[in-house]
């Protein structure tokens, strides 16, 4: 099932889950199924992160062209609040964010196209998150914005002072300083 969000291109994908007395099964990725929804993103890299503590924030990150990345995010263990922020210059939703709960229990996934910041907060300890990327990691193309930027006013569901951050995320710049490398292209 495909569910749109308020941000054009950001989609919630909920696969069909088959359950019986043994447990459950679902396809977490099927190129043909996504193509039937009009999603033709080719994924070339799989990433996985483990976060020990609840309240761990990873983000807000992006990768600039020529190594821009779309991501397909899902949770293997635990629960997160997953956030995308539109940073496409000229977009009617520039600077707006959307969030969705992803968990091992609900099997939901979030598709985040290139042109968006991405980040998440863990809601429980020991979260294992997996995501597909449409381009390989390119350190020279990475960028970040502070998770608690007042211009974005993202509701992470935790006090900012209690967030567990990497040194790199703690040093991220402000949204106002962002020189976005992305331009909005209206659909025909």
N, C-alpha and C. Protein backbone atom coordinates (compact mmCIF):
# COMPACT_ATOMS: atom_id res chain seq x y z
N UNK A 1 0.84 -1.17 0.00
CA UNK A 1 0.00 0.00 0.00
C UNK A 1 0.90 1.24 0.00
N UNK A 2 0.53 2.23 -0.77
CA UNK A 2 1.26 3.48 -0.88
C UNK A 2 0.41 4.60 -0.30
N UNK A 3 1.02 5.41 0.57
CA UNK A 3 0.30 6.51 1.22
C UNK A 3 1.12 7.78 1.04
N UNK A 4 0.55 8.79 0.41
CA UNK A 4 1.30 10.04 0.25
C UNK A 4 1.42 10.79 1.57
N UNK A 5 2.40 11.67 1.63
CA UNK A 5 2.57 12.57 2.77
C UNK A 5 2.33 13.99 2.28
N UNK A 6 2.34 14.98 3.15
CA UNK A 6 2.17 16.36 2.69
C UNK A 6 3.31 16.87 1.80
N UNK A 7 4.43 16.15 1.75
CA UNK A 7 5.57 16.56 0.93
C UNK A 7 5.61 15.73 -0.35
N UNK A 8 5.50 16.40 -1.48
CA UNK A 8 5.48 15.73 -2.78
C UNK A 8 6.69 14.82 -2.96
N UNK A 9 6.43 13.56 -3.23
CA UNK A 9 7.49 12.58 -3.47
C UNK A 9 7.82 11.73 -2.26
N UNK A 10 7.57 12.22 -1.06
CA UNK A 10 7.81 11.44 0.15
C UNK A 10 6.59 10.54 0.34
N UNK A 11 6.82 9.23 0.38
CA UNK A 11 5.73 8.26 0.40
C UNK A 11 5.91 7.28 1.55
N UNK A 12 4.81 6.88 2.18
CA UNK A 12 4.82 5.80 3.16
C UNK A 12 4.42 4.53 2.42
N UNK A 13 5.24 3.51 2.56
CA UNK A 13 4.97 2.23 1.90
C UNK A 13 4.74 1.18 2.99
N UNK A 14 3.60 0.53 2.91
CA UNK A 14 3.29 -0.54 3.86
C UNK A 14 3.10 -1.83 3.07
N UNK A 15 4.06 -2.75 3.19
CA UNK A 15 3.94 -4.00 2.46
C UNK A 15 2.85 -4.90 3.04
N UNK A 16 2.38 -5.80 2.22
CA UNK A 16 1.42 -6.80 2.72
C UNK A 16 2.17 -7.76 3.63
N UNK A 17 1.61 -8.00 4.80
CA UNK A 17 2.21 -8.90 5.77
C UNK A 17 1.32 -10.14 5.88
N UNK A 18 1.93 -11.29 5.74
CA UNK A 18 1.22 -12.57 5.84
C UNK A 18 1.62 -13.20 7.17
N UNK A 19 0.61 -13.46 8.02
CA UNK A 19 0.87 -14.01 9.35
C UNK A 19 0.20 -15.36 9.50
N UNK A 20 0.84 -16.23 10.26
CA UNK A 20 0.24 -17.51 10.64
C UNK A 20 0.82 -17.92 11.99
N UNK A 21 0.63 -19.16 12.37
CA UNK A 21 1.06 -19.62 13.69
C UNK A 21 2.59 -19.57 13.87
N UNK A 22 3.36 -19.47 12.79
CA UNK A 22 4.82 -19.41 12.88
C UNK A 22 5.33 -18.01 13.11
N UNK A 23 4.53 -17.01 12.68
CA UNK A 23 4.97 -15.62 12.73
C UNK A 23 4.45 -14.89 11.51
N UNK A 24 5.34 -14.18 10.81
CA UNK A 24 4.88 -13.41 9.65
C UNK A 24 5.95 -13.37 8.57
N UNK A 25 5.51 -12.94 7.38
CA UNK A 25 6.38 -12.79 6.21
C UNK A 25 5.89 -11.59 5.42
N UNK A 26 6.84 -10.82 4.87
CA UNK A 26 6.48 -9.76 3.93
C UNK A 26 7.66 -9.51 3.00
N UNK A 27 7.35 -9.02 1.80
CA UNK A 27 8.39 -8.55 0.89
C UNK A 27 8.73 -7.13 1.30
N UNK A 28 9.98 -6.89 1.63
CA UNK A 28 10.37 -5.55 2.05
C UNK A 28 10.80 -4.70 0.86
N UNK A 29 11.12 -5.33 -0.25
CA UNK A 29 11.48 -4.59 -1.46
C UNK A 29 11.18 -5.45 -2.67
N UNK A 30 10.45 -4.88 -3.61
CA UNK A 30 10.17 -5.55 -4.87
C UNK A 30 10.13 -4.46 -5.94
N UNK A 31 11.11 -4.46 -6.81
CA UNK A 31 11.23 -3.42 -7.83
C UNK A 31 9.98 -3.32 -8.70
N UNK A 32 9.40 -4.46 -9.07
CA UNK A 32 8.20 -4.45 -9.91
C UNK A 32 7.00 -3.85 -9.18
N UNK A 33 6.85 -4.17 -7.89
CA UNK A 33 5.74 -3.61 -7.12
C UNK A 33 5.87 -2.10 -7.02
N UNK A 34 7.09 -1.61 -6.71
CA UNK A 34 7.29 -0.17 -6.65
C UNK A 34 7.03 0.47 -8.01
N UNK A 35 7.48 -0.16 -9.09
CA UNK A 35 7.24 0.38 -10.43
C UNK A 35 5.75 0.48 -10.73
N UNK A 36 4.95 -0.45 -10.20
CA UNK A 36 3.50 -0.38 -10.42
C UNK A 36 2.89 0.84 -9.72
N UNK A 37 3.59 1.37 -8.71
CA UNK A 37 3.17 2.60 -8.03
C UNK A 37 3.80 3.84 -8.66
N UNK A 38 4.58 3.66 -9.73
CA UNK A 38 5.24 4.79 -10.39
C UNK A 38 6.57 5.16 -9.77
N UNK A 39 7.12 4.30 -8.94
CA UNK A 39 8.42 4.55 -8.29
C UNK A 39 9.48 3.75 -9.04
N UNK A 40 10.38 4.46 -9.71
CA UNK A 40 11.40 3.77 -10.51
C UNK A 40 12.81 4.00 -9.99
N UNK A 41 12.94 4.33 -8.72
CA UNK A 41 14.24 4.58 -8.12
C UNK A 41 15.05 3.29 -8.10
N UNK A 42 16.29 3.37 -8.59
CA UNK A 42 17.20 2.23 -8.54
C UNK A 42 18.07 2.38 -7.29
N UNK A 43 18.05 1.39 -6.43
CA UNK A 43 18.83 1.42 -5.20
C UNK A 43 20.13 0.66 -5.40
N UNK A 44 21.25 1.22 -4.91
CA UNK A 44 22.57 0.65 -5.16
C UNK A 44 23.36 0.35 -3.90
N UNK A 45 22.85 0.77 -2.73
CA UNK A 45 23.58 0.55 -1.48
C UNK A 45 22.58 0.32 -0.36
N UNK A 46 22.88 -0.65 0.51
CA UNK A 46 22.08 -0.89 1.71
C UNK A 46 22.89 -0.48 2.92
N UNK A 47 22.25 0.25 3.84
CA UNK A 47 22.88 0.68 5.08
C UNK A 47 22.07 0.17 6.26
N UNK A 48 22.74 0.04 7.40
CA UNK A 48 22.09 -0.41 8.61
C UNK A 48 22.70 0.36 9.78
N UNK A 49 21.85 0.83 10.69
CA UNK A 49 22.36 1.48 11.90
C UNK A 49 21.71 0.87 13.12
N UNK A 50 22.50 0.76 14.16
CA UNK A 50 22.01 0.30 15.45
C UNK A 50 22.20 1.44 16.43
N UNK A 51 21.17 1.75 17.19
CA UNK A 51 21.24 2.80 18.21
C UNK A 51 20.90 2.18 19.55
N UNK A 52 21.81 2.32 20.49
CA UNK A 52 21.67 1.69 21.80
C UNK A 52 20.58 2.35 22.64
N UNK A 53 20.54 3.69 22.63
CA UNK A 53 19.68 4.41 23.56
C UNK A 53 18.43 4.99 22.90
N UNK A 54 17.32 4.98 23.62
CA UNK A 54 16.14 5.75 23.20
C UNK A 54 16.55 7.22 23.23
N UNK A 55 16.02 8.01 22.30
CA UNK A 55 16.37 9.42 22.24
C UNK A 55 17.60 9.71 21.39
N UNK A 56 18.10 8.69 20.70
CA UNK A 56 19.22 8.90 19.78
C UNK A 56 18.69 9.53 18.51
N UNK A 57 19.29 10.64 18.10
CA UNK A 57 18.90 11.30 16.85
C UNK A 57 20.03 11.15 15.86
N UNK A 58 19.67 10.72 14.66
CA UNK A 58 20.60 10.64 13.54
C UNK A 58 20.04 11.57 12.46
N UNK A 59 20.75 12.64 12.18
CA UNK A 59 20.29 13.59 11.18
C UNK A 59 20.35 15.00 11.72
N UNK A 60 19.99 15.85 10.87
CA UNK A 60 19.32 15.78 9.56
C UNK A 60 20.38 15.79 8.46
N UNK A 61 20.38 14.80 7.59
CA UNK A 61 21.42 14.61 6.59
C UNK A 61 20.88 14.69 5.16
N UNK A 62 21.80 15.00 4.24
CA UNK A 62 21.53 14.87 2.81
C UNK A 62 22.85 14.65 2.09
N UNK A 63 22.76 14.20 0.86
CA UNK A 63 23.91 14.09 -0.02
C UNK A 63 23.61 14.90 -1.26
N UNK A 64 24.51 15.80 -1.64
CA UNK A 64 24.32 16.70 -2.76
C UNK A 64 24.69 16.03 -4.08
N UNK A 65 24.15 16.55 -5.20
CA UNK A 65 24.59 16.09 -6.51
C UNK A 65 26.09 16.31 -6.66
N UNK A 66 26.78 15.47 -7.37
CA UNK A 66 26.26 14.42 -8.25
C UNK A 66 25.98 13.10 -7.53
N UNK A 67 26.08 13.08 -6.21
CA UNK A 67 25.87 11.85 -5.45
C UNK A 67 24.60 11.90 -4.60
N UNK A 68 23.61 12.69 -5.03
CA UNK A 68 22.36 12.81 -4.27
C UNK A 68 21.74 11.43 -4.07
N UNK A 69 21.09 11.26 -2.93
CA UNK A 69 20.52 9.96 -2.59
C UNK A 69 19.03 10.05 -2.29
N UNK A 70 18.28 9.13 -2.84
CA UNK A 70 16.94 8.80 -2.35
C UNK A 70 17.15 7.67 -1.35
N UNK A 71 16.24 7.55 -0.37
CA UNK A 71 16.36 6.51 0.65
C UNK A 71 15.01 5.82 0.83
N UNK A 72 15.08 4.54 1.12
CA UNK A 72 13.91 3.75 1.51
C UNK A 72 14.24 3.18 2.88
N UNK A 73 13.57 3.69 3.92
CA UNK A 73 13.93 3.43 5.32
C UNK A 73 12.92 2.48 5.95
N UNK A 74 13.43 1.53 6.75
CA UNK A 74 12.56 0.64 7.52
C UNK A 74 13.24 0.25 8.81
N UNK A 75 12.48 -0.24 9.76
CA UNK A 75 12.99 -0.62 11.07
C UNK A 75 12.94 -2.14 11.20
N UNK A 76 14.07 -2.72 11.58
CA UNK A 76 14.14 -4.16 11.79
C UNK A 76 13.83 -4.54 13.23
N UNK A 77 14.28 -3.70 14.17
CA UNK A 77 14.03 -3.92 15.60
C UNK A 77 13.77 -2.55 16.23
N UNK A 78 12.68 -2.44 16.98
CA UNK A 78 12.40 -1.21 17.70
C UNK A 78 11.41 -0.30 17.00
N UNK A 79 11.54 1.01 17.29
CA UNK A 79 10.62 2.01 16.75
C UNK A 79 11.33 3.35 16.66
N UNK A 80 11.08 4.06 15.56
CA UNK A 80 11.65 5.40 15.36
C UNK A 80 10.57 6.37 14.90
N UNK A 81 10.85 7.65 15.05
CA UNK A 81 10.09 8.74 14.43
C UNK A 81 10.99 9.19 13.29
N UNK A 82 10.57 8.97 12.05
CA UNK A 82 11.38 9.25 10.87
C UNK A 82 10.89 10.55 10.23
N UNK A 83 11.83 11.42 9.87
CA UNK A 83 11.50 12.78 9.43
C UNK A 83 12.16 13.09 8.10
N UNK A 84 11.41 13.75 7.21
CA UNK A 84 11.94 14.27 5.95
C UNK A 84 11.61 15.76 5.90
N UNK A 85 12.56 16.57 5.40
CA UNK A 85 12.39 18.02 5.28
C UNK A 85 12.69 18.41 3.83
N UNK A 86 11.78 19.12 3.21
CA UNK A 86 11.94 19.57 1.82
C UNK A 86 13.00 20.67 1.75
N UNK A 87 14.07 20.43 0.97
CA UNK A 87 15.09 21.47 0.76
C UNK A 87 15.29 21.75 -0.73
N UNK A 88 14.22 21.59 -1.51
CA UNK A 88 14.26 21.88 -2.95
C UNK A 88 13.88 23.33 -3.17
N UNK A 89 14.85 24.15 -3.59
CA UNK A 89 14.58 25.58 -3.82
C UNK A 89 13.42 25.72 -4.81
N UNK A 90 12.49 26.60 -4.48
CA UNK A 90 11.33 26.84 -5.33
C UNK A 90 10.16 25.93 -5.05
N UNK A 91 10.32 24.96 -4.18
CA UNK A 91 9.22 24.05 -3.85
C UNK A 91 8.17 24.78 -3.01
N UNK A 92 6.89 24.50 -3.27
CA UNK A 92 5.85 25.11 -2.44
C UNK A 92 5.91 24.63 -0.98
N UNK A 93 6.63 23.55 -0.71
CA UNK A 93 6.76 23.05 0.67
C UNK A 93 8.19 23.17 1.18
N UNK A 94 8.98 24.07 0.57
CA UNK A 94 10.37 24.26 1.01
C UNK A 94 10.41 24.57 2.51
N UNK A 95 11.26 23.84 3.23
CA UNK A 95 11.42 24.06 4.67
C UNK A 95 10.38 23.38 5.53
N UNK A 96 9.42 22.70 4.91
CA UNK A 96 8.40 21.98 5.68
C UNK A 96 8.86 20.55 5.92
N UNK A 97 8.35 19.96 6.99
CA UNK A 97 8.74 18.59 7.34
C UNK A 97 7.51 17.71 7.51
N UNK A 98 7.77 16.42 7.40
CA UNK A 98 6.76 15.42 7.71
C UNK A 98 7.44 14.31 8.49
N UNK A 99 6.69 13.65 9.35
CA UNK A 99 7.24 12.56 10.15
C UNK A 99 6.27 11.40 10.21
N UNK A 100 6.83 10.22 10.42
CA UNK A 100 6.02 9.01 10.50
C UNK A 100 6.70 8.03 11.45
N UNK A 101 5.88 7.29 12.20
CA UNK A 101 6.40 6.24 13.05
C UNK A 101 6.67 5.01 12.21
N UNK A 102 7.90 4.55 12.25
CA UNK A 102 8.29 3.29 11.61
C UNK A 102 8.71 2.34 12.72
N UNK A 103 8.25 1.10 12.63
CA UNK A 103 8.61 0.12 13.65
C UNK A 103 8.67 -1.27 13.05
N UNK A 104 9.32 -2.16 13.78
CA UNK A 104 9.33 -3.56 13.37
C UNK A 104 7.90 -4.11 13.38
N UNK A 105 7.07 -3.61 14.28
CA UNK A 105 5.70 -4.10 14.42
C UNK A 105 4.80 -3.64 13.28
N UNK A 106 4.96 -2.38 12.79
CA UNK A 106 4.04 -1.91 11.75
C UNK A 106 4.54 -2.12 10.32
N UNK A 107 5.80 -2.52 10.15
CA UNK A 107 6.39 -2.85 8.84
C UNK A 107 6.39 -1.70 7.84
N UNK A 108 6.03 -0.50 8.26
CA UNK A 108 5.98 0.64 7.34
C UNK A 108 7.39 1.04 6.93
N UNK A 109 7.48 1.65 5.74
CA UNK A 109 8.73 2.17 5.22
C UNK A 109 8.49 3.59 4.75
N UNK A 110 9.55 4.40 4.73
CA UNK A 110 9.43 5.76 4.24
C UNK A 110 10.37 5.92 3.05
N UNK A 111 9.80 6.35 1.92
CA UNK A 111 10.58 6.65 0.72
C UNK A 111 10.84 8.15 0.72
N UNK A 112 12.12 8.51 0.72
CA UNK A 112 12.53 9.91 0.77
C UNK A 112 13.36 10.18 -0.48
N UNK A 113 12.83 10.96 -1.43
CA UNK A 113 13.58 11.25 -2.65
C UNK A 113 14.79 12.15 -2.37
N UNK A 114 15.68 12.25 -3.33
CA UNK A 114 16.76 13.24 -3.25
C UNK A 114 16.10 14.62 -3.17
N UNK A 115 16.76 15.54 -2.47
CA UNK A 115 16.20 16.87 -2.31
C UNK A 115 15.55 17.10 -0.96
N UNK A 116 15.73 16.15 -0.05
CA UNK A 116 15.15 16.23 1.28
C UNK A 116 16.22 15.94 2.32
N UNK A 117 16.13 16.64 3.45
CA UNK A 117 16.89 16.25 4.63
C UNK A 117 16.23 15.01 5.20
N UNK A 118 17.02 14.16 5.86
CA UNK A 118 16.46 12.97 6.51
C UNK A 118 17.08 12.82 7.89
N UNK A 119 16.24 12.43 8.84
CA UNK A 119 16.73 12.12 10.17
C UNK A 119 15.69 11.32 10.93
N UNK A 120 16.12 10.72 12.02
CA UNK A 120 15.17 9.99 12.87
C UNK A 120 15.61 10.02 14.32
N UNK A 121 14.65 9.78 15.20
CA UNK A 121 14.91 9.63 16.63
C UNK A 121 14.40 8.25 17.04
N UNK A 122 15.19 7.57 17.86
CA UNK A 122 14.77 6.27 18.37
C UNK A 122 13.83 6.49 19.55
N UNK A 123 12.76 5.72 19.55
CA UNK A 123 11.76 5.85 20.62
C UNK A 123 11.95 4.80 21.71
N UNK A 124 12.72 3.79 21.43
CA UNK A 124 13.01 2.73 22.39
C UNK A 124 14.50 2.39 22.29
N UNK A 125 15.05 1.73 23.30
CA UNK A 125 16.45 1.31 23.20
C UNK A 125 16.63 0.21 22.14
N UNK A 126 17.86 0.07 21.70
CA UNK A 126 18.26 -1.01 20.79
C UNK A 126 17.46 -1.05 19.49
N UNK A 127 17.48 0.04 18.76
CA UNK A 127 16.80 0.12 17.46
C UNK A 127 17.77 -0.26 16.35
N UNK A 128 17.27 -1.07 15.44
CA UNK A 128 18.03 -1.47 14.27
C UNK A 128 17.27 -0.99 13.04
N UNK A 129 17.90 -0.08 12.28
CA UNK A 129 17.27 0.56 11.13
C UNK A 129 18.04 0.18 9.88
N UNK A 130 17.31 -0.13 8.81
CA UNK A 130 17.93 -0.46 7.52
C UNK A 130 17.38 0.49 6.48
N UNK A 131 18.25 0.91 5.56
CA UNK A 131 17.76 1.75 4.48
C UNK A 131 18.55 1.53 3.21
N UNK A 132 17.80 1.58 2.12
CA UNK A 132 18.36 1.48 0.79
C UNK A 132 18.67 2.88 0.30
N UNK A 133 19.75 3.04 -0.46
CA UNK A 133 20.15 4.33 -1.00
C UNK A 133 20.29 4.22 -2.51
N UNK A 134 19.93 5.29 -3.21
CA UNK A 134 20.00 5.30 -4.67
C UNK A 134 21.37 5.72 -5.20
N UNK A 135 22.29 6.05 -4.31
CA UNK A 135 23.65 6.40 -4.70
C UNK A 135 24.57 5.96 -3.57
N UNK A 136 25.83 5.72 -3.89
CA UNK A 136 26.78 5.30 -2.87
C UNK A 136 27.19 6.49 -2.02
N UNK A 137 27.66 6.21 -0.83
CA UNK A 137 28.09 7.25 0.09
C UNK A 137 29.28 8.00 -0.51
N UNK A 138 29.19 9.33 -0.48
CA UNK A 138 30.25 10.20 -1.01
C UNK A 138 30.52 11.28 0.04
N UNK A 139 31.56 11.10 0.87
CA UNK A 139 31.81 12.04 1.96
C UNK A 139 31.90 13.50 1.52
N UNK A 140 32.43 13.75 0.34
CA UNK A 140 32.57 15.12 -0.14
C UNK A 140 31.25 15.78 -0.53
N UNK A 141 30.19 15.00 -0.59
CA UNK A 141 28.87 15.53 -0.99
C UNK A 141 27.89 15.58 0.17
N UNK A 142 28.32 15.19 1.36
CA UNK A 142 27.36 15.15 2.47
C UNK A 142 27.15 16.53 3.08
N UNK A 143 25.94 16.70 3.60
CA UNK A 143 25.58 17.93 4.27
C UNK A 143 24.64 17.62 5.41
N UNK A 144 24.48 18.59 6.31
CA UNK A 144 23.63 18.38 7.47
C UNK A 144 23.08 19.70 7.98
N UNK A 145 21.95 19.61 8.66
CA UNK A 145 21.32 20.74 9.34
C UNK A 145 21.00 20.27 10.75
N UNK A 146 21.11 21.17 11.71
CA UNK A 146 20.82 20.82 13.11
C UNK A 146 19.40 20.28 13.26
N UNK A 147 19.28 19.23 14.04
CA UNK A 147 17.97 18.61 14.27
C UNK A 147 17.01 19.55 14.99
N UNK A 148 17.55 20.43 15.83
CA UNK A 148 16.71 21.30 16.65
C UNK A 148 16.66 22.73 16.12
N UNK A 149 16.85 22.89 14.82
CA UNK A 149 16.84 24.22 14.23
C UNK A 149 15.48 24.88 14.46
N UNK A 150 15.45 26.08 15.01
CA UNK A 150 14.16 26.73 15.31
C UNK A 150 13.35 27.09 14.07
N UNK A 151 14.01 27.30 12.93
CA UNK A 151 13.26 27.61 11.70
C UNK A 151 12.47 26.39 11.21
N UNK A 152 12.94 25.19 11.52
CA UNK A 152 12.23 23.97 11.11
C UNK A 152 11.19 23.57 12.16
N UNK A 153 11.49 23.78 13.43
CA UNK A 153 10.57 23.49 14.54
C UNK A 153 10.01 22.07 14.46
N UNK A 154 10.89 21.10 14.25
CA UNK A 154 10.47 19.69 14.20
C UNK A 154 10.14 19.20 15.60
N UNK A 155 9.02 18.53 15.73
CA UNK A 155 8.63 17.93 17.00
C UNK A 155 9.19 16.51 17.04
N UNK A 156 10.31 16.36 17.74
CA UNK A 156 10.96 15.05 17.84
C UNK A 156 10.36 14.19 18.95
N UNK A 157 9.52 14.77 19.78
CA UNK A 157 8.91 14.00 20.85
C UNK A 157 9.81 13.82 22.06
N UNK A 158 10.97 14.49 22.08
CA UNK A 158 11.88 14.44 23.22
C UNK A 158 12.42 15.85 23.47
N UNK A 159 12.88 16.13 24.67
CA UNK A 159 13.53 17.42 24.91
C UNK A 159 14.86 17.45 24.15
N UNK A 160 15.14 18.57 23.49
CA UNK A 160 16.38 18.69 22.72
C UNK A 160 17.61 18.43 23.59
N UNK A 161 17.57 18.86 24.83
CA UNK A 161 18.71 18.68 25.73
C UNK A 161 18.99 17.21 26.03
N UNK A 162 18.00 16.36 25.88
CA UNK A 162 18.16 14.94 26.16
C UNK A 162 18.56 14.10 24.96
N UNK A 163 18.71 14.72 23.80
CA UNK A 163 19.03 13.98 22.58
C UNK A 163 20.45 13.41 22.64
N UNK A 164 20.60 12.18 22.17
CA UNK A 164 21.91 11.55 22.04
C UNK A 164 22.35 11.79 20.60
N UNK A 165 23.47 12.52 20.43
CA UNK A 165 23.93 12.93 19.10
C UNK A 165 25.38 12.52 18.86
N UNK A 166 25.73 12.37 17.60
CA UNK A 166 27.14 12.24 17.23
C UNK A 166 27.76 13.63 17.30
N UNK A 167 29.08 13.70 17.38
CA UNK A 167 29.77 14.99 17.37
C UNK A 167 29.46 15.74 16.07
N UNK A 168 29.41 15.01 14.96
CA UNK A 168 29.14 15.63 13.66
C UNK A 168 27.74 16.24 13.62
N UNK A 169 26.74 15.52 14.12
CA UNK A 169 25.37 16.05 14.12
C UNK A 169 25.24 17.23 15.08
N UNK A 170 25.94 17.19 16.20
CA UNK A 170 25.90 18.30 17.15
C UNK A 170 26.50 19.57 16.55
N UNK A 171 27.42 19.42 15.59
CA UNK A 171 28.09 20.57 14.97
C UNK A 171 27.43 21.02 13.66
N UNK A 172 26.31 20.41 13.29
CA UNK A 172 25.66 20.74 12.01
C UNK A 172 25.22 22.20 12.01
N UNK A 173 25.15 22.77 10.82
CA UNK A 173 24.78 24.18 10.66
C UNK A 173 23.28 24.40 10.73
N UNK A 174 22.91 25.66 10.62
CA UNK A 174 21.50 26.04 10.71
C UNK A 174 20.82 25.93 9.34
N UNK A 175 19.49 25.86 9.38
CA UNK A 175 18.72 25.82 8.15
C UNK A 175 18.89 27.13 7.37
N UNK A 176 18.95 28.25 8.07
CA UNK A 176 19.10 29.56 7.42
C UNK A 176 20.42 29.65 6.63
N UNK A 177 21.44 28.95 7.08
CA UNK A 177 22.74 28.97 6.40
C UNK A 177 22.84 27.98 5.25
N UNK A 178 21.86 27.10 5.12
CA UNK A 178 21.91 26.06 4.09
C UNK A 178 21.89 26.66 2.69
N UNK A 179 22.87 26.31 1.88
CA UNK A 179 22.89 26.65 0.46
C UNK A 179 22.44 25.40 -0.28
N UNK A 180 21.14 25.26 -0.47
CA UNK A 180 20.62 24.02 -1.03
C UNK A 180 21.10 23.79 -2.47
N UNK A 181 21.54 22.58 -2.76
CA UNK A 181 21.95 22.25 -4.11
C UNK A 181 20.80 21.69 -4.96
N UNK A 182 19.58 21.70 -4.40
CA UNK A 182 18.43 21.08 -5.06
C UNK A 182 17.43 22.13 -5.54
N UNK A 183 16.82 21.86 -6.69
CA UNK A 183 15.80 22.73 -7.26
C UNK A 183 14.53 21.91 -7.49
N UNK A 184 13.42 22.49 -7.12
CA UNK A 184 12.12 21.85 -7.31
C UNK A 184 11.75 21.82 -8.78
N UNK A 185 11.29 20.67 -9.22
CA UNK A 185 10.78 20.52 -10.59
C UNK A 185 9.35 20.02 -10.49
N UNK A 186 8.42 20.86 -10.89
CA UNK A 186 7.00 20.50 -10.84
C UNK A 186 6.72 19.34 -11.79
N UNK A 187 5.85 18.45 -11.37
CA UNK A 187 5.45 17.32 -12.21
C UNK A 187 4.62 17.84 -13.39
N UNK A 188 4.81 17.20 -14.52
CA UNK A 188 4.05 17.60 -15.71
C UNK A 188 2.62 17.13 -15.64
